[in-house]
PDB file of N, CA and C in Angstrom:
ATOM      1  N   MET A   1       8.196-147.239 -29.045  1.00  0.00           N
ATOM      2  CA  MET A   1       6.737-147.193 -28.778  1.00  0.00           C
ATOM      3  C   MET A   1       6.702-147.365 -30.587  1.00  0.00           C
ATOM      4  N   GLN A   2       5.463-148.768 -31.210  1.00  0.00           N
ATOM      5  CA  GLN A   2       4.861-147.968 -32.829  1.00  0.00           C
ATOM      6  C   GLN A   2       3.951-147.958 -32.710  1.00  0.00           C
ATOM      7  N   THR A   3       3.582-147.545 -34.239  1.00  0.00           N
ATOM      8  CA  THR A   3       2.354-147.199 -34.378  1.00  0.00           C
ATOM      9  C   THR A   3       1.399-148.626 -34.893  1.00  0.00           C
ATOM     10  N   ILE A   4      -0.015-148.196 -35.096  1.00  0.00           N
ATOM     11  CA  ILE A   4      -0.431-149.369 -35.413  1.00  0.00           C
ATOM     12  C   ILE A   4      -0.143-149.680 -37.217  1.00  0.00           C
ATOM     13  N   THR A   5       0.048-148.947 -37.944  1.00  0.00           N
ATOM     14  CA  THR A   5       0.388-148.865 -39.322  1.00  0.00           C
ATOM     15  C   THR A   5       1.685-149.690 -39.390  1.00  0.00           C
ATOM     16  N   GLU A   6       2.800-149.255 -38.075  1.00  0.00           N
ATOM     17  CA  GLU A   6       3.743-149.475 -38.371  1.00  0.00           C
ATOM     18  C   GLU A   6       4.200-151.568 -37.692  1.00  0.00           C
ATOM     19  N   ARG A   7       2.904-151.394 -37.151  1.00  0.00           N
ATOM     20  CA  ARG A   7       3.108-153.069 -36.510  1.00  0.00           C
ATOM     21  C   ARG A   7       2.632-153.524 -37.403  1.00  0.00           C
ATOM     22  N   TYR A   8       1.237-153.515 -38.357  1.00  0.00           N
ATOM     23  CA  TYR A   8       0.530-154.554 -38.776  1.00  0.00           C
ATOM     24  C   TYR A   8       0.126-153.975 -40.662  1.00  0.00           C
ATOM     25  N   GLY A   9       0.790-152.421 -40.615  1.00  0.00           N
ATOM     26  CA  GLY A   9       0.483-152.132 -42.126  1.00  0.00           C
ATOM     27  C   GLY A   9      -0.490-152.054 -42.558  1.00  0.00           C
ATOM     28  N   TRP A  10      -0.490-150.779 -43.782  1.00  0.00           N
ATOM     29  CA  TRP A  10      -1.717-150.656 -44.697  1.00  0.00           C
ATOM     30  C   TRP A  10      -2.319-151.553 -44.724  1.00  0.00           C
ATOM     31  N   LYS A  11      -1.790-152.696 -45.601  1.00  0.00           N
ATOM     32  CA  LYS A  11      -3.437-153.523 -46.260  1.00  0.00           C
ATOM     33  C   LYS A  11      -3.655-154.393 -45.222  1.00  0.00           C
ATOM     34  N   ARG A  12      -3.247-154.836 -43.411  1.00  0.00           N
ATOM     35  CA  ARG A  12      -4.556-155.118 -42.680  1.00  0.00           C
ATOM     36  C   ARG A  12      -4.953-154.302 -42.293  1.00  0.00           C
ATOM     37  N   LEU A  13      -4.490-153.181 -42.392  1.00  0.00           N
ATOM     38  CA  LEU A  13      -6.038-152.166 -41.638  1.00  0.00           C
ATOM     39  C   LEU A  13      -6.973-152.003 -42.272  1.00  0.00           C
ATOM     40  N   THR A  14      -6.399-152.539 -43.974  1.00  0.00           N
ATOM     41  CA  THR A  14      -7.936-151.578 -44.399  1.00  0.00           C
ATOM     42  C   THR A  14      -8.034-153.102 -44.744  1.00  0.00           C
ATOM     43  N   VAL A  15      -7.733-154.027 -44.736  1.00  0.00           N
ATOM     44  CA  VAL A  15      -8.601-155.393 -44.965  1.00  0.00           C
ATOM     45  C   VAL A  15      -9.340-154.978 -44.171  1.00  0.00           C
ATOM     46  N   PHE A  16      -8.968-155.006 -42.292  1.00  0.00           N
ATOM     47  CA  PHE A  16      -9.804-155.054 -40.763  1.00  0.00           C
ATOM     48  C   PHE A  16     -10.747-154.092 -41.110  1.00  0.00           C
ATOM     49  N   PHE A  17     -10.787-153.142 -41.601  1.00  0.00           N
ATOM     50  CA  PHE A  17     -11.485-151.542 -41.342  1.00  0.00           C
ATOM     51  C   PHE A  17     -12.780-152.537 -42.865  1.00  0.00           C
ATOM     52  N   VAL A  18     -12.420-152.640 -43.331  1.00  0.00           N
ATOM     53  CA  VAL A  18     -13.142-153.261 -44.809  1.00  0.00           C
ATOM     54  C   VAL A  18     -13.837-153.834 -44.420  1.00  0.00           C
ATOM     55  N   SER A  19     -13.908-155.474 -43.644  1.00  0.00           N
ATOM     56  CA  SER A  19     -14.378-156.349 -43.455  1.00  0.00           C
ATOM     57  C   SER A  19     -15.542-155.645 -42.039  1.00  0.00           C
ATOM     58  N   VAL A  20     -14.697-155.056 -41.717  1.00  0.00           N
ATOM     59  CA  VAL A  20     -15.552-153.940 -40.094  1.00  0.00           C
ATOM     60  C   VAL A  20     -17.551-153.783 -40.628  1.00  0.00           C
ATOM     61  N   PHE A  21     -16.851-152.657 -41.512  1.00  0.00           N
ATOM     62  CA  PHE A  21     -17.866-152.087 -42.817  1.00  0.00           C
ATOM     63  C   PHE A  21     -18.644-152.896 -43.397  1.00  0.00           C
ATOM     64  N   ALA A  22     -18.370-154.316 -43.680  1.00  0.00           N
ATOM     65  CA  ALA A  22     -19.055-155.055 -44.057  1.00  0.00           C
ATOM     66  C   ALA A  22     -19.715-155.710 -43.593  1.00  0.00           C
ATOM     67  N   VAL A  23     -19.544-156.007 -42.258  1.00  0.00           N
ATOM     68  CA  VAL A  23     -19.800-156.534 -41.600  1.00  0.00           C
ATOM     69  C   VAL A  23     -21.589-155.788 -40.718  1.00  0.00           C
ATOM     70  N   LEU A  24     -21.113-154.227 -40.119  1.00  0.00           N
ATOM     71  CA  LEU A  24     -22.092-154.067 -39.910  1.00  0.00           C
ATOM     72  C   LEU A  24     -22.533-153.764 -41.519  1.00  0.00           C
ATOM     73  N   ALA A  25     -22.569-153.413 -42.497  1.00  0.00           N
ATOM     74  CA  ALA A  25     -23.764-153.605 -43.398  1.00  0.00           C
ATOM     75  C   ALA A  25     -23.975-154.254 -43.067  1.00  0.00           C
ATOM     76  N   VAL A  26     -23.989-156.020 -43.039  1.00  0.00           N
ATOM     77  CA  VAL A  26     -25.202-157.022 -43.363  1.00  0.00           C
ATOM     78  C   VAL A  26     -26.000-157.003 -42.298  1.00  0.00           C
ATOM     79  N   VAL A  27     -25.070-156.442 -41.014  1.00  0.00           N
ATOM     80  CA  VAL A  27     -26.385-156.830 -39.472  1.00  0.00           C
ATOM     81  C   VAL A  27     -27.052-155.541 -39.297  1.00  0.00           C
ATOM     82  N   GLY A  28     -26.685-154.464 -40.665  1.00  0.00           N
ATOM     83  CA  GLY A  28     -28.032-153.536 -41.060  1.00  0.00           C
ATOM     84  C   GLY A  28     -29.219-153.399 -41.624  1.00  0.00           C
ATOM     85  N   PHE A  29     -28.447-154.632 -42.798  1.00  0.00           N
ATOM     86  CA  PHE A  29     -29.477-154.760 -43.644  1.00  0.00           C
ATOM     87  C   PHE A  29     -30.532-155.873 -42.925  1.00  0.00           C
ATOM     88  N   ILE A  30     -29.693-156.874 -42.235  1.00  0.00           N
ATOM     89  CA  ILE A  30     -31.245-157.529 -42.024  1.00  0.00           C
ATOM     90  C   ILE A  30     -31.152-157.497 -40.482  1.00  0.00           C
ATOM     91  N   LYS A  31     -31.397-155.852 -39.891  1.00  0.00           N
ATOM     92  CA  LYS A  31     -32.222-155.222 -38.891  1.00  0.00           C
ATOM     93  C   LYS A  31     -33.042-154.916 -39.166  1.00  0.00           C
ATOM     94  N   ILE A  32     -32.962-154.130 -40.827  1.00  0.00           N
ATOM     95  CA  ILE A  32     -33.343-153.318 -41.335  1.00  0.00           C
ATOM     96  C   ILE A  32     -34.831-154.404 -41.816  1.00  0.00           C
ATOM     97  N   ASN A  33     -34.605-155.284 -43.038  1.00  0.00           N
ATOM     98  CA  ASN A  33     -35.501-156.167 -43.329  1.00  0.00           C
ATOM     99  C   ASN A  33     -35.570-157.336 -42.511  1.00  0.00           C
ATOM    100  N   GLY A  34     -35.786-156.988 -41.756  1.00  0.00           N
ATOM    101  CA  GLY A  34     -35.485-158.296 -40.656  1.00  0.00           C
ATOM    102  C   GLY A  34     -37.537-158.877 -40.562  1.00  0.00           C
ATOM    103  N   GLY A  35     -37.644-159.608 -39.822  1.00  0.00           N
ATOM    104  CA  GLY A  35     -39.143-160.627 -39.540  1.00  0.00           C
ATOM    105  C   GLY A  35     -39.867-159.597 -38.979  1.00  0.00           C
ATOM    106  N   ASP A  36     -39.560-158.552 -38.837  1.00  0.00           N
ATOM    107  CA  ASP A  36     -40.692-157.985 -36.896  1.00  0.00           C
ATOM    108  C   ASP A  36     -41.982-157.397 -37.779  1.00  0.00           C
ATOM    109  N   GLY A  37     -42.062-156.835 -38.917  1.00  0.00           N
ATOM    110  CA  GLY A  37     -42.947-156.739 -39.851  1.00  0.00           C
ATOM    111  C   GLY A  37     -44.022-157.380 -40.202  1.00  0.00           C
ATOM    112  N   PRO A  38     -44.947-157.235 -41.178  1.00  0.00           N
ATOM    113  CA  PRO A  38     -46.043-158.088 -41.350  1.00  0.00           C
ATOM    114  C   PRO A  38     -45.341-158.939 -42.868  1.00  0.00           C
ATOM    115  N   PRO A  39     -45.838-159.995 -43.446  1.00  0.00           N
ATOM    116  CA  PRO A  39     -45.165-161.241 -44.265  1.00  0.00           C
ATOM    117  C   PRO A  39     -45.111-159.806 -45.424  1.00  0.00           C
ATOM    118  N   SER A  40     -43.996-160.001 -46.200  1.00  0.00           N
ATOM    119  CA  SER A  40     -44.045-158.978 -47.372  1.00  0.00           C
ATOM    120  C   SER A  40     -44.684-159.393 -48.418  1.00  0.00           C
ATOM    121  N   CYS A  41     -45.682-160.553 -48.637  1.00  0.00           N
ATOM    122  CA  CYS A  41     -46.214-160.895 -49.817  1.00  0.00           C
ATOM    123  C   CYS A  41     -46.798-159.602 -49.910  1.00  0.00           C
ATOM    124  N   ALA A  42     -47.876-159.270 -48.741  1.00  0.00           N
ATOM    125  CA  ALA A  42     -49.143-158.167 -48.221  1.00  0.00           C
ATOM    126  C   ALA A  42     -48.561-157.131 -49.354  1.00  0.00           C
ATOM    127  N   GLN A  43     -47.603-156.584 -49.464  1.00  0.00           N
ATOM    128  CA  GLN A  43     -47.180-155.477 -50.804  1.00  0.00           C
ATOM    129  C   GLN A  43     -46.894-155.793 -51.831  1.00  0.00           C
ATOM    130  N   HIS A  44     -47.566-157.298 -52.385  1.00  0.00           N
ATOM    131  CA  HIS A  44     -47.677-158.057 -54.038  1.00  0.00           C
ATOM    132  C   HIS A  44     -48.635-158.250 -53.864  1.00  0.00           C
ATOM    133  N   TRP A  45     -50.065-157.595 -54.133  1.00  0.00           N
ATOM    134  CA  TRP A  45     -51.236-158.102 -53.797  1.00  0.00           C
ATOM    135  C   TRP A  45     -51.851-158.300 -55.315  1.00  0.00           C
ATOM    136  N   ASP A  46     -50.991-157.202 -56.361  1.00  0.00           N
ATOM    137  CA  ASP A  46     -51.328-156.929 -57.405  1.00  0.00           C
ATOM    138  C   ASP A  46     -50.543-158.311 -58.575  1.00  0.00           C
ATOM    139  N   THR A  47     -49.627-158.901 -58.474  1.00  0.00           N
ATOM    140  CA  THR A  47     -49.811-159.496 -59.197  1.00  0.00           C
ATOM    141  C   THR A  47     -49.427-160.815 -58.936  1.00  0.00           C
ATOM    142  N   MET A  48     -50.654-160.931 -57.837  1.00  0.00           N
ATOM    143  CA  MET A  48     -50.180-162.557 -56.670  1.00  0.00           C
ATOM    144  C   MET A  48     -51.481-163.178 -58.400  1.00  0.00           C
ATOM    145  N   SER A  49     -51.247-164.499 -58.085  1.00  0.00           N
ATOM    146  CA  SER A  49     -52.317-165.147 -58.332  1.00  0.00           C
ATOM    147  C   SER A  49     -53.468-165.793 -57.589  1.00  0.00           C
ATOM    148  N   ARG A  50     -54.434-166.059 -57.859  1.00  0.00           N
ATOM    149  CA  ARG A  50     -56.058-166.378 -56.355  1.00  0.00           C
ATOM    150  C   ARG A  50     -55.257-167.479 -55.287  1.00  0.00           C
ATOM    151  N   ASN A  51     -54.695-168.502 -56.082  1.00  0.00           N
ATOM    152  CA  ASN A  51     -53.754-169.305 -54.483  1.00  0.00           C
ATOM    153  C   ASN A  51     -53.296-168.308 -53.712  1.00  0.00           C
ATOM    154  N   SER A  52     -51.962-167.639 -54.139  1.00  0.00           N
ATOM    155  CA  SER A  52     -51.391-166.879 -53.603  1.00  0.00           C
ATOM    156  C   SER A  52     -51.758-166.067 -52.613  1.00  0.00           C
ATOM    157  N   MET A  53     -52.851-165.047 -52.736  1.00  0.00           N
ATOM    158  CA  MET A  53     -52.984-164.428 -52.144  1.00  0.00           C
ATOM    159  C   MET A  53     -54.128-164.677 -50.494  1.00  0.00           C
ATOM    160  N   VAL A  54     -54.276-165.987 -51.550  1.00  0.00           N
ATOM    161  CA  VAL A  54     -54.800-166.842 -49.871  1.00  0.00           C
ATOM    162  C   VAL A  54     -54.343-167.366 -48.932  1.00  0.00           C
ATOM    163  N   ASP A  55     -53.043-167.930 -49.614  1.00  0.00           N
ATOM    164  CA  ASP A  55     -51.942-167.759 -48.628  1.00  0.00           C
ATOM    165  C   ASP A  55     -51.450-166.827 -47.628  1.00  0.00           C
ATOM    166  N   CYS A  56     -51.195-165.554 -48.644  1.00  0.00           N
ATOM    167  CA  CYS A  56     -50.824-164.745 -48.255  1.00  0.00           C
ATOM    168  C   CYS A  56     -52.136-163.788 -47.150  1.00  0.00           C
ATOM    169  N   GLU A  57     -53.072-164.193 -47.067  1.00  0.00           N
ATOM    170  CA  GLU A  57     -53.809-163.620 -45.717  1.00  0.00           C
ATOM    171  C   GLU A  57     -54.609-164.697 -45.033  1.00  0.00           C
ATOM    172  N   ASN A  58     -53.940-165.519 -44.823  1.00  0.00           N
ATOM    173  CA  ASN A  58     -53.580-166.529 -44.143  1.00  0.00           C
ATOM    174  C   ASN A  58     -52.600-166.317 -43.085  1.00  0.00           C
ATOM    175  N   ALA A  59     -51.052-165.819 -43.680  1.00  0.00           N
ATOM    176  CA  ALA A  59     -50.070-165.610 -43.210  1.00  0.00           C
ATOM    177  C   ALA A  59     -50.347-163.623 -42.797  1.00  0.00           C
ATOM    178  N   VAL A  60     -50.744-163.283 -43.596  1.00  0.00           N
ATOM    179  CA  VAL A  60     -51.484-161.470 -42.656  1.00  0.00           C
ATOM    180  C   VAL A  60     -51.616-161.912 -41.365  1.00  0.00           C
ATOM    181  N   GLU A  61     -53.335-162.966 -40.913  1.00  0.00           N
ATOM    182  CA  GLU A  61     -54.048-162.645 -40.038  1.00  0.00           C
ATOM    183  C   GLU A  61     -53.461-163.579 -39.133  1.00  0.00           C
ATOM    184  N   LYS A  62     -52.575-164.479 -39.438  1.00  0.00           N
ATOM    185  CA  LYS A  62     -51.275-164.795 -38.559  1.00  0.00           C
ATOM    186  C   LYS A  62     -50.736-164.295 -37.841  1.00  0.00           C
ATOM    187  N   TRP A  63     -49.949-163.270 -38.584  1.00  0.00           N
ATOM    188  CA  TRP A  63     -48.832-162.044 -38.574  1.00  0.00           C
ATOM    189  C   TRP A  63     -49.316-161.724 -37.421  1.00  0.00           C
ATOM    190  N   CYS A  64     -50.798-160.880 -37.592  1.00  0.00           N
ATOM    191  CA  CYS A  64     -51.957-160.123 -36.985  1.00  0.00           C
ATOM    192  C   CYS A  64     -52.171-160.514 -35.713  1.00  0.00           C
ATOM    193  N   ALA A  65     -53.062-161.552 -36.211  1.00  0.00           N
ATOM    194  CA  ALA A  65     -52.747-162.343 -33.808  1.00  0.00           C
ATOM    195  C   ALA A  65     -51.789-162.575 -33.367  1.00  0.00           C
ATOM    196  N   ASP A  66     -50.877-162.086 -33.869  1.00  0.00           N
ATOM    197  CA  ASP A  66     -49.546-162.395 -33.194  1.00  0.00           C
ATOM    198  C   ASP A  66     -48.572-161.814 -32.299  1.00  0.00           C
ATOM    199  N   SER A  67     -48.741-160.378 -33.445  1.00  0.00           N
ATOM    200  CA  SER A  67     -48.150-158.827 -33.177  1.00  0.00           C
ATOM    201  C   SER A  67     -49.242-157.909 -32.394  1.00  0.00           C
ATOM    202  N   HIS A  68     -50.498-157.727 -32.762  1.00  0.00           N
ATOM    203  CA  HIS A  68     -51.202-157.175 -32.550  1.00  0.00           C
ATOM    204  C   HIS A  68     -52.873-158.084 -31.869  1.00  0.00           C
ATOM    205  N   ARG A  69     -52.098-158.608 -30.616  1.00  0.00           N
ATOM    206  CA  ARG A  69     -53.828-159.620 -30.221  1.00  0.00           C
ATOM    207  C   ARG A  69     -54.708-158.051 -29.804  1.00  0.00           C
ATOM    208  N   ASP A  70     -54.723-156.902 -29.070  1.00  0.00           N
ATOM    209  CA  ASP A  70     -55.591-156.161 -29.255  1.00  0.00           C
ATOM    210  C   ASP A  70     -56.424-155.529 -30.055  1.00  0.00           C
ATOM    211  N   ASP A  71     -56.364-155.919 -31.345  1.00  0.00           N
ATOM    212  CA  ASP A  71     -57.320-155.739 -32.636  1.00  0.00           C
ATOM    213  C   ASP A  71     -56.444-156.343 -34.245  1.00  0.00           C
ATOM    214  N   PRO A  72     -56.753-157.485 -33.618  1.00  0.00           N
ATOM    215  CA  PRO A  72     -55.726-158.411 -35.001  1.00  0.00           C
ATOM    216  C   PRO A  72     -56.983-158.138 -36.421  1.00  0.00           C
ATOM    217  N   ASP A  73     -58.115-158.068 -36.230  1.00  0.00           N
ATOM    218  CA  ASP A  73     -58.456-157.824 -37.563  1.00  0.00           C
ATOM    219  C   ASP A  73     -58.273-156.721 -38.635  1.00  0.00           C
ATOM    220  N   GLY A  74     -58.428-155.368 -37.760  1.00  0.00           N
ATOM    221  CA  GLY A  74     -58.191-153.939 -37.831  1.00  0.00           C
ATOM    222  C   GLY A  74     -56.467-153.882 -38.110  1.00  0.00           C
ATOM    223  N   CYS A  75     -56.167-154.789 -37.943  1.00  0.00           N
ATOM    224  CA  CYS A  75     -54.534-155.499 -38.364  1.00  0.00           C
ATOM    225  C   CYS A  75     -54.555-155.762 -40.121  1.00  0.00           C
ATOM    226  N   SER A  76     -55.731-156.282 -39.843  1.00  0.00           N
ATOM    227  CA  SER A  76     -55.958-157.709 -40.796  1.00  0.00           C
ATOM    228  C   SER A  76     -55.931-156.846 -42.147  1.00  0.00           C
ATOM    229  N   ASN A  77     -57.022-155.970 -41.610  1.00  0.00           N
ATOM    230  CA  ASN A  77     -57.355-154.584 -42.896  1.00  0.00           C
ATOM    231  C   ASN A  77     -56.295-154.086 -42.821  1.00  0.00           C
ATOM    232  N   ASN A  78     -56.154-153.248 -42.602  1.00  0.00           N
ATOM    233  CA  ASN A  78     -54.819-152.201 -43.062  1.00  0.00           C
ATOM    234  C   ASN A  78     -54.198-152.603 -43.144  1.00  0.00           C
ATOM    235  N   VAL A  79     -53.063-154.188 -43.336  1.00  0.00           N
ATOM    236  CA  VAL A  79     -51.634-154.521 -43.983  1.00  0.00           C
ATOM    237  C   VAL A  79     -52.535-154.520 -45.109  1.00  0.00           C
ATOM    238  N   GLU A  80     -53.614-155.751 -45.456  1.00  0.00           N
ATOM    239  CA  GLU A  80     -53.549-155.910 -47.076  1.00  0.00           C
ATOM    240  C   GLU A  80     -54.761-155.005 -47.780  1.00  0.00           C
ATOM    241  N   ILE A  81     -54.641-153.521 -46.930  1.00  0.00           N
ATOM    242  CA  ILE A  81     -54.953-152.426 -47.873  1.00  0.00           C
ATOM    243  C   ILE A  81     -53.697-151.483 -47.942  1.00  0.00           C
ATOM    244  N   ASP A  82     -52.906-151.189 -46.969  1.00  0.00           N
ATOM    245  CA  ASP A  82     -51.757-150.733 -46.888  1.00  0.00           C
ATOM    246  C   ASP A  82     -50.514-151.814 -47.612  1.00  0.00           C
ATOM    247  N   GLY A  83     -50.658-153.225 -46.926  1.00  0.00           N
ATOM    248  CA  GLY A  83     -49.449-153.386 -47.467  1.00  0.00           C
ATOM    249  C   GLY A  83     -48.578-153.558 -45.617  1.00  0.00           C
ATOM    250  N   ASP A  84     -48.669-153.118 -44.893  1.00  0.00           N
ATOM    251  CA  ASP A  84     -47.691-152.654 -44.247  1.00  0.00           C
ATOM    252  C   ASP A  84     -48.777-152.259 -42.473  1.00  0.00           C
ATOM    253  N   ASP A  85     -48.531-152.424 -41.285  1.00  0.00           N
ATOM    254  CA  ASP A  85     -49.798-151.824 -40.060  1.00  0.00           C
ATOM    255  C   ASP A  85     -48.702-150.653 -39.993  1.00  0.00           C
ATOM    256  N   ARG A  86     -48.857-149.703 -40.611  1.00  0.00           N
ATOM    257  CA  ARG A  86     -48.695-148.491 -39.448  1.00  0.00           C
ATOM    258  C   ARG A  86     -49.707-147.489 -39.117  1.00  0.00           C
ATOM    259  N   ASN A  87     -50.733-148.045 -39.867  1.00  0.00           N
ATOM    260  CA  ASN A  87     -51.719-147.614 -39.673  1.00  0.00           C
ATOM    261  C   ASN A  87     -52.892-148.327 -38.699  1.00  0.00           C
ATOM    262  N   VAL A  88     -52.326-149.132 -37.912  1.00  0.00           N
ATOM    263  CA  VAL A  88     -53.176-150.067 -37.004  1.00  0.00           C
ATOM    264  C   VAL A  88     -53.121-149.393 -35.576  1.00  0.00           C
ATOM    265  N   GLY A  89     -54.373-149.456 -34.953  1.00  0.00           N
ATOM    266  CA  GLY A  89     -55.014-148.090 -33.683  1.00  0.00           C
ATOM    267  C   GLY A  89     -54.613-146.952 -33.801  1.00  0.00           C
ATOM    268  N   LYS A  90     -54.890-146.542 -34.963  1.00  0.00           N
ATOM    269  CA  LYS A  90     -55.140-144.809 -35.644  1.00  0.00           C
ATOM    270  C   LYS A  90     -56.390-144.684 -35.677  1.00  0.00           C
ATOM    271  N   GLN A  91     -57.440-143.595 -35.273  1.00  0.00           N
ATOM    272  CA  GLN A  91     -58.426-143.091 -35.783  1.00  0.00           C
ATOM    273  C   GLN A  91     -58.339-142.704 -37.512  1.00  0.00           C
TER     274      GLN A  91
END
């Protein structure tokens, strides 16, 4: 009975495990930075022009209307202050 390394060799196994690790890293990165949070522009208010701020405010309001239907105005205010929605619904 052959071992895996005898059958496929060290190079192939190394390439296989590196490939698996790379795929898992990419999937993890996508999940962490996925589109489940508020628009990323909300974290960069200080570097925006006026037109960009208006566009970002509209994107935040749309996202809050979809994601926080119970309190979209409170969500918009929190996201514009903090850049995220962690404090939405907290007193």
